[in-house]
Amino acid sequence: MNSQPKNPPPANIAPNPGTVTRLESGEILKGANTVEIEHAGQRYLLRVTRENKLILTK
């Protein structure tokens, strides 16, 4: 029997309430223009536009 939680908590939770974790977009994109993000069983696309802006879509 598997005793692991169905939805484990996010790995990158800020240690103190009120603090914000900052990541560089390059850490997420790793040279790609589009990356898939799974959150709560849903898939999202994070992409870089021609104007070098970020867009997150479901």
PDB file of N, CA and C in Angstrom:
ATOM      1  N   MET A   1       0.854  -1.190   0.000  1.00  0.00           N
ATOM      2  CA  MET A   1       0.000   0.000   0.000  1.00  0.00           C
ATOM      3  C   MET A   1       0.891   1.243   0.000  1.00  0.00           C
ATOM      4  N   ASN A   2       0.532   2.241  -0.782  1.00  0.00           N
ATOM      5  CA  ASN A   2       1.317   3.463  -0.918  1.00  0.00           C
ATOM      6  C   ASN A   2       0.799   4.508   0.057  1.00  0.00           C
ATOM      7  N   SER A   3       1.676   4.977   0.964  1.00  0.00           N
ATOM      8  CA  SER A   3       1.239   5.947   1.968  1.00  0.00           C
ATOM      9  C   SER A   3       1.642   7.375   1.628  1.00  0.00           C
ATOM     10  N   GLN A   4       2.161   7.607   0.396  1.00  0.00           N
ATOM     11  CA  GLN A   4       2.538   8.957   0.006  1.00  0.00           C
ATOM     12  C   GLN A   4       1.298   9.808  -0.210  1.00  0.00           C
ATOM     13  N   PRO A   5       1.387  11.122   0.103  1.00  0.00           N
ATOM     14  CA  PRO A   5       0.233  11.997  -0.118  1.00  0.00           C
ATOM     15  C   PRO A   5      -0.091  12.102  -1.605  1.00  0.00           C
ATOM     16  N   LYS A   6      -1.366  12.280  -1.897  1.00  0.00           N
ATOM     17  CA  LYS A   6      -1.818  12.351  -3.288  1.00  0.00           C
ATOM     18  C   LYS A   6      -1.219  13.555  -4.004  1.00  0.00           C
ATOM     19  N   ASN A   7      -1.243  14.715  -3.383  1.00  0.00           N
ATOM     20  CA  ASN A   7      -0.654  15.927  -3.946  1.00  0.00           C
ATOM     21  C   ASN A   7       0.381  16.457  -2.969  1.00  0.00           C
ATOM     22  N   PRO A   8       1.682  16.141  -3.207  1.00  0.00           N
ATOM     23  CA  PRO A   8       2.697  16.639  -2.274  1.00  0.00           C
ATOM     24  C   PRO A   8       2.769  18.155  -2.313  1.00  0.00           C
ATOM     25  N   PRO A   9       3.208  18.774  -1.209  1.00  0.00           N
ATOM     26  CA  PRO A   9       3.303  20.236  -1.182  1.00  0.00           C
ATOM     27  C   PRO A   9       4.355  20.723  -2.159  1.00  0.00           C
ATOM     28  N   PRO A  10       4.218  21.956  -2.660  1.00  0.00           N
ATOM     29  CA  PRO A  10       5.218  22.498  -3.575  1.00  0.00           C
ATOM     30  C   PRO A  10       6.593  22.506  -2.922  1.00  0.00           C
ATOM     31  N   ALA A  11       7.632  22.258  -3.717  1.00  0.00           N
ATOM     32  CA  ALA A  11       8.980  22.153  -3.190  1.00  0.00           C
ATOM     33  C   ALA A  11       9.584  23.508  -2.861  1.00  0.00           C
ATOM     34  N   ASN A  12       9.043  24.581  -3.426  1.00  0.00           N
ATOM     35  CA  ASN A  12       9.683  25.888  -3.281  1.00  0.00           C
ATOM     36  C   ASN A  12       8.787  26.852  -2.505  1.00  0.00           C
ATOM     37  N   ILE A  13       8.435  26.482  -1.285  1.00  0.00           N
ATOM     38  CA  ILE A  13       7.593  27.333  -0.444  1.00  0.00           C
ATOM     39  C   ILE A  13       8.480  28.322   0.298  1.00  0.00           C
ATOM     40  N   ALA A  14       8.063  29.576   0.325  1.00  0.00           N
ATOM     41  CA  ALA A  14       8.829  30.603   1.047  1.00  0.00           C
ATOM     42  C   ALA A  14       8.873  30.226   2.527  1.00  0.00           C
ATOM     43  N   PRO A  15      10.047  30.333   3.166  1.00  0.00           N
ATOM     44  CA  PRO A  15      10.181  29.889   4.556  1.00  0.00           C
ATOM     45  C   PRO A  15       9.388  30.719   5.551  1.00  0.00           C
ATOM     46  N   ASN A  16       9.173  31.993   5.275  1.00  0.00           N
ATOM     47  CA  ASN A  16       8.446  32.857   6.196  1.00  0.00           C
ATOM     48  C   ASN A  16       7.263  33.494   5.478  1.00  0.00           C
ATOM     49  N   PRO A  17       6.112  33.537   6.131  1.00  0.00           N
ATOM     50  CA  PRO A  17       4.984  34.223   5.504  1.00  0.00           C
ATOM     51  C   PRO A  17       5.363  35.664   5.165  1.00  0.00           C
ATOM     52  N   GLY A  18       4.937  36.123   4.013  1.00  0.00           N
ATOM     53  CA  GLY A  18       5.229  37.488   3.610  1.00  0.00           C
ATOM     54  C   GLY A  18       6.484  37.610   2.768  1.00  0.00           C
ATOM     55  N   THR A  19       7.300  36.544   2.705  1.00  0.00           N
ATOM     56  CA  THR A  19       8.477  36.592   1.845  1.00  0.00           C
ATOM     57  C   THR A  19       8.128  36.002   0.485  1.00  0.00           C
ATOM     58  N   VAL A  20       8.834  36.452  -0.528  1.00  0.00           N
ATOM     59  CA  VAL A  20       8.576  35.992  -1.888  1.00  0.00           C
ATOM     60  C   VAL A  20       9.845  35.346  -2.429  1.00  0.00           C
ATOM     61  N   THR A  21       9.709  34.152  -2.998  1.00  0.00           N
ATOM     62  CA  THR A  21      10.839  33.501  -3.640  1.00  0.00           C
ATOM     63  C   THR A  21      10.982  34.067  -5.036  1.00  0.00           C
ATOM     64  N   ARG A  22      12.202  34.465  -5.409  1.00  0.00           N
ATOM     65  CA  ARG A  22      12.448  35.050  -6.726  1.00  0.00           C
ATOM     66  C   ARG A  22      13.294  34.084  -7.543  1.00  0.00           C
ATOM     67  N   LEU A  23      12.839  33.802  -8.770  1.00  0.00           N
ATOM     68  CA  LEU A  23      13.583  32.986  -9.714  1.00  0.00           C
ATOM     69  C   LEU A  23      13.810  33.787 -10.975  1.00  0.00           C
ATOM     70  N   GLU A  24      14.960  33.607 -11.593  1.00  0.00           N
ATOM     71  CA  GLU A  24      15.206  34.199 -12.900  1.00  0.00           C
ATOM     72  C   GLU A  24      14.437  33.372 -13.926  1.00  0.00           C
ATOM     73  N   SER A  25      13.867  34.015 -14.936  1.00  0.00           N
ATOM     74  CA  SER A  25      13.099  33.289 -15.953  1.00  0.00           C
ATOM     75  C   SER A  25      13.949  32.224 -16.634  1.00  0.00           C
ATOM     76  N   GLY A  26      15.247  32.483 -16.783  1.00  0.00           N
ATOM     77  CA  GLY A  26      16.143  31.509 -17.400  1.00  0.00           C
ATOM     78  C   GLY A  26      16.238  30.206 -16.620  1.00  0.00           C
ATOM     79  N   GLU A  27      16.058  30.281 -15.282  1.00  0.00           N
ATOM     80  CA  GLU A  27      16.068  29.073 -14.464  1.00  0.00           C
ATOM     81  C   GLU A  27      14.872  28.186 -14.797  1.00  0.00           C
ATOM     82  N   ILE A  28      13.775  28.802 -15.164  1.00  0.00           N
ATOM     83  CA  ILE A  28      12.551  28.064 -15.476  1.00  0.00           C
ATOM     84  C   ILE A  28      12.556  27.606 -16.929  1.00  0.00           C
ATOM     85  N   LEU A  29      12.913  28.507 -17.834  1.00  0.00           N
ATOM     86  CA  LEU A  29      12.842  28.226 -19.270  1.00  0.00           C
ATOM     87  C   LEU A  29      14.019  27.400 -19.782  1.00  0.00           C
ATOM     88  N   LYS A  30      15.186  27.532 -19.166  1.00  0.00           N
ATOM     89  CA  LYS A  30      16.387  26.771 -19.549  1.00  0.00           C
ATOM     90  C   LYS A  30      16.653  26.844 -21.047  1.00  0.00           C
ATOM     91  N   GLY A  31      16.561  28.047 -21.617  1.00  0.00           N
ATOM     92  CA  GLY A  31      16.865  28.253 -23.033  1.00  0.00           C
ATOM     93  C   GLY A  31      15.701  28.030 -23.991  1.00  0.00           C
ATOM     94  N   ALA A  32      14.600  27.495 -23.514  1.00  0.00           N
ATOM     95  CA  ALA A  32      13.430  27.264 -24.364  1.00  0.00           C
ATOM     96  C   ALA A  32      12.555  28.509 -24.392  1.00  0.00           C
ATOM     97  N   ASN A  33      11.670  28.600 -25.385  1.00  0.00           N
ATOM     98  CA  ASN A  33      10.707  29.708 -25.450  1.00  0.00           C
ATOM     99  C   ASN A  33       9.393  29.354 -24.770  1.00  0.00           C
ATOM    100  N   THR A  34       9.178  28.063 -24.547  1.00  0.00           N
ATOM    101  CA  THR A  34       7.933  27.594 -23.937  1.00  0.00           C
ATOM    102  C   THR A  34       8.250  26.482 -22.948  1.00  0.00           C
ATOM    103  N   VAL A  35       7.544  26.493 -21.829  1.00  0.00           N
ATOM    104  CA  VAL A  35       7.688  25.423 -20.849  1.00  0.00           C
ATOM    105  C   VAL A  35       6.303  25.062 -20.324  1.00  0.00           C
ATOM    106  N   GLU A  36       6.074  23.762 -20.092  1.00  0.00           N
ATOM    107  CA  GLU A  36       4.816  23.286 -19.513  1.00  0.00           C
ATOM    108  C   GLU A  36       4.968  23.253 -18.005  1.00  0.00           C
ATOM    109  N   ILE A  37       3.941  23.745 -17.313  1.00  0.00           N
ATOM    110  CA  ILE A  37       3.925  23.723 -15.855  1.00  0.00           C
ATOM    111  C   ILE A  37       2.677  22.963 -15.424  1.00  0.00           C
ATOM    112  N   GLU A  38       2.856  21.979 -14.561  1.00  0.00           N
ATOM    113  CA  GLU A  38       1.697  21.257 -14.035  1.00  0.00           C
ATOM    114  C   GLU A  38       1.433  21.760 -12.625  1.00  0.00           C
ATOM    115  N   HIS A  39       0.171  22.126 -12.388  1.00  0.00           N
ATOM    116  CA  HIS A  39      -0.235  22.645 -11.079  1.00  0.00           C
ATOM    117  C   HIS A  39      -1.623  22.113 -10.759  1.00  0.00           C
ATOM    118  N   ALA A  40      -1.745  21.422  -9.651  1.00  0.00           N
ATOM    119  CA  ALA A  40      -3.027  20.877  -9.181  1.00  0.00           C
ATOM    120  C   ALA A  40      -3.717  20.064 -10.270  1.00  0.00           C
ATOM    121  N   GLY A  41      -2.924  19.269 -10.985  1.00  0.00           N
ATOM    122  CA  GLY A  41      -3.495  18.397 -12.008  1.00  0.00           C
ATOM    123  C   GLY A  41      -3.823  19.092 -13.325  1.00  0.00           C
ATOM    124  N   GLN A  42      -3.538  20.372 -13.431  1.00  0.00           N
ATOM    125  CA  GLN A  42      -3.802  21.132 -14.661  1.00  0.00           C
ATOM    126  C   GLN A  42      -2.470  21.487 -15.310  1.00  0.00           C
ATOM    127  N   ARG A  43      -2.466  21.554 -16.651  1.00  0.00           N
ATOM    128  CA  ARG A  43      -1.257  21.938 -17.374  1.00  0.00           C
ATOM    129  C   ARG A  43      -1.380  23.355 -17.885  1.00  0.00           C
ATOM    130  N   TYR A  44      -0.311  24.105 -17.694  1.00  0.00           N
ATOM    131  CA  TYR A  44      -0.230  25.490 -18.137  1.00  0.00           C
ATOM    132  C   TYR A  44       0.988  25.627 -19.045  1.00  0.00           C
ATOM    133  N   LEU A  45       0.942  26.607 -19.955  1.00  0.00           N
ATOM    134  CA  LEU A  45       2.087  26.920 -20.796  1.00  0.00           C
ATOM    135  C   LEU A  45       2.612  28.296 -20.422  1.00  0.00           C
ATOM    136  N   LEU A  46       3.895  28.370 -20.155  1.00  0.00           N
ATOM    137  CA  LEU A  46       4.563  29.644 -19.931  1.00  0.00           C
ATOM    138  C   LEU A  46       5.416  29.876 -21.165  1.00  0.00           C
ATOM    139  N   ARG A  47       5.178  30.984 -21.853  1.00  0.00           N
ATOM    140  CA  ARG A  47       5.935  31.227 -23.075  1.00  0.00           C
ATOM    141  C   ARG A  47       6.434  32.665 -23.134  1.00  0.00           C
ATOM    142  N   VAL A  48       7.491  32.840 -23.915  1.00  0.00           N
ATOM    143  CA  VAL A  48       8.093  34.149 -24.136  1.00  0.00           C
ATOM    144  C   VAL A  48       7.560  34.667 -25.475  1.00  0.00           C
ATOM    145  N   THR A  49       7.045  35.894 -25.485  1.00  0.00           N
ATOM    146  CA  THR A  49       6.517  36.490 -26.717  1.00  0.00           C
ATOM    147  C   THR A  49       7.646  37.105 -27.542  1.00  0.00           C
ATOM    148  N   ARG A  50       7.307  37.543 -28.746  1.00  0.00           N
ATOM    149  CA  ARG A  50       8.282  38.228 -29.600  1.00  0.00           C
ATOM    150  C   ARG A  50       8.785  39.512 -28.957  1.00  0.00           C
ATOM    151  N   GLU A  51       7.965  40.097 -28.101  1.00  0.00           N
ATOM    152  CA  GLU A  51       8.348  41.330 -27.394  1.00  0.00           C
ATOM    153  C   GLU A  51       9.099  41.034 -26.093  1.00  0.00           C
ATOM    154  N   ASN A  52       9.461  39.756 -25.897  1.00  0.00           N
ATOM    155  CA  ASN A  52      10.199  39.299 -24.713  1.00  0.00           C
ATOM    156  C   ASN A  52       9.408  39.480 -23.416  1.00  0.00           C
ATOM    157  N   LYS A  53       8.096  39.276 -23.506  1.00  0.00           N
ATOM    158  CA  LYS A  53       7.238  39.279 -22.318  1.00  0.00           C
ATOM    159  C   LYS A  53       6.819  37.841 -22.041  1.00  0.00           C
ATOM    160  N   LEU A  54       6.404  37.577 -20.803  1.00  0.00           N
ATOM    161  CA  LEU A  54       5.960  36.243 -20.431  1.00  0.00           C
ATOM    162  C   LEU A  54       4.441  36.158 -20.425  1.00  0.00           C
ATOM    163  N   ILE A  55       3.925  35.041 -20.945  1.00  0.00           N
ATOM    164  CA  ILE A  55       2.483  34.804 -20.941  1.00  0.00           C
ATOM    165  C   ILE A  55       2.244  33.400 -20.388  1.00  0.00           C
ATOM    166  N   LEU A  56       1.336  33.301 -19.416  1.00  0.00           N
ATOM    167  CA  LEU A  56       0.952  32.006 -18.839  1.00  0.00           C
ATOM    168  C   LEU A  56      -0.477  31.726 -19.271  1.00  0.00           C
ATOM    169  N   THR A  57      -0.679  30.585 -19.964  1.00  0.00           N
ATOM    170  CA  THR A  57      -2.022  30.223 -20.420  1.00  0.00           C
ATOM    171  C   THR A  57      -2.347  28.805 -19.959  1.00  0.00           C
ATOM    172  N   LYS A  58      -3.631  28.550 -19.856  1.00  0.00           N
ATOM    173  CA  LYS A  58      -4.108  27.230 -19.441  1.00  0.00           C
ATOM    174  C   LYS A  58      -4.425  26.423 -20.658  1.00  0.00           C
TER     175      LYS A  58
END
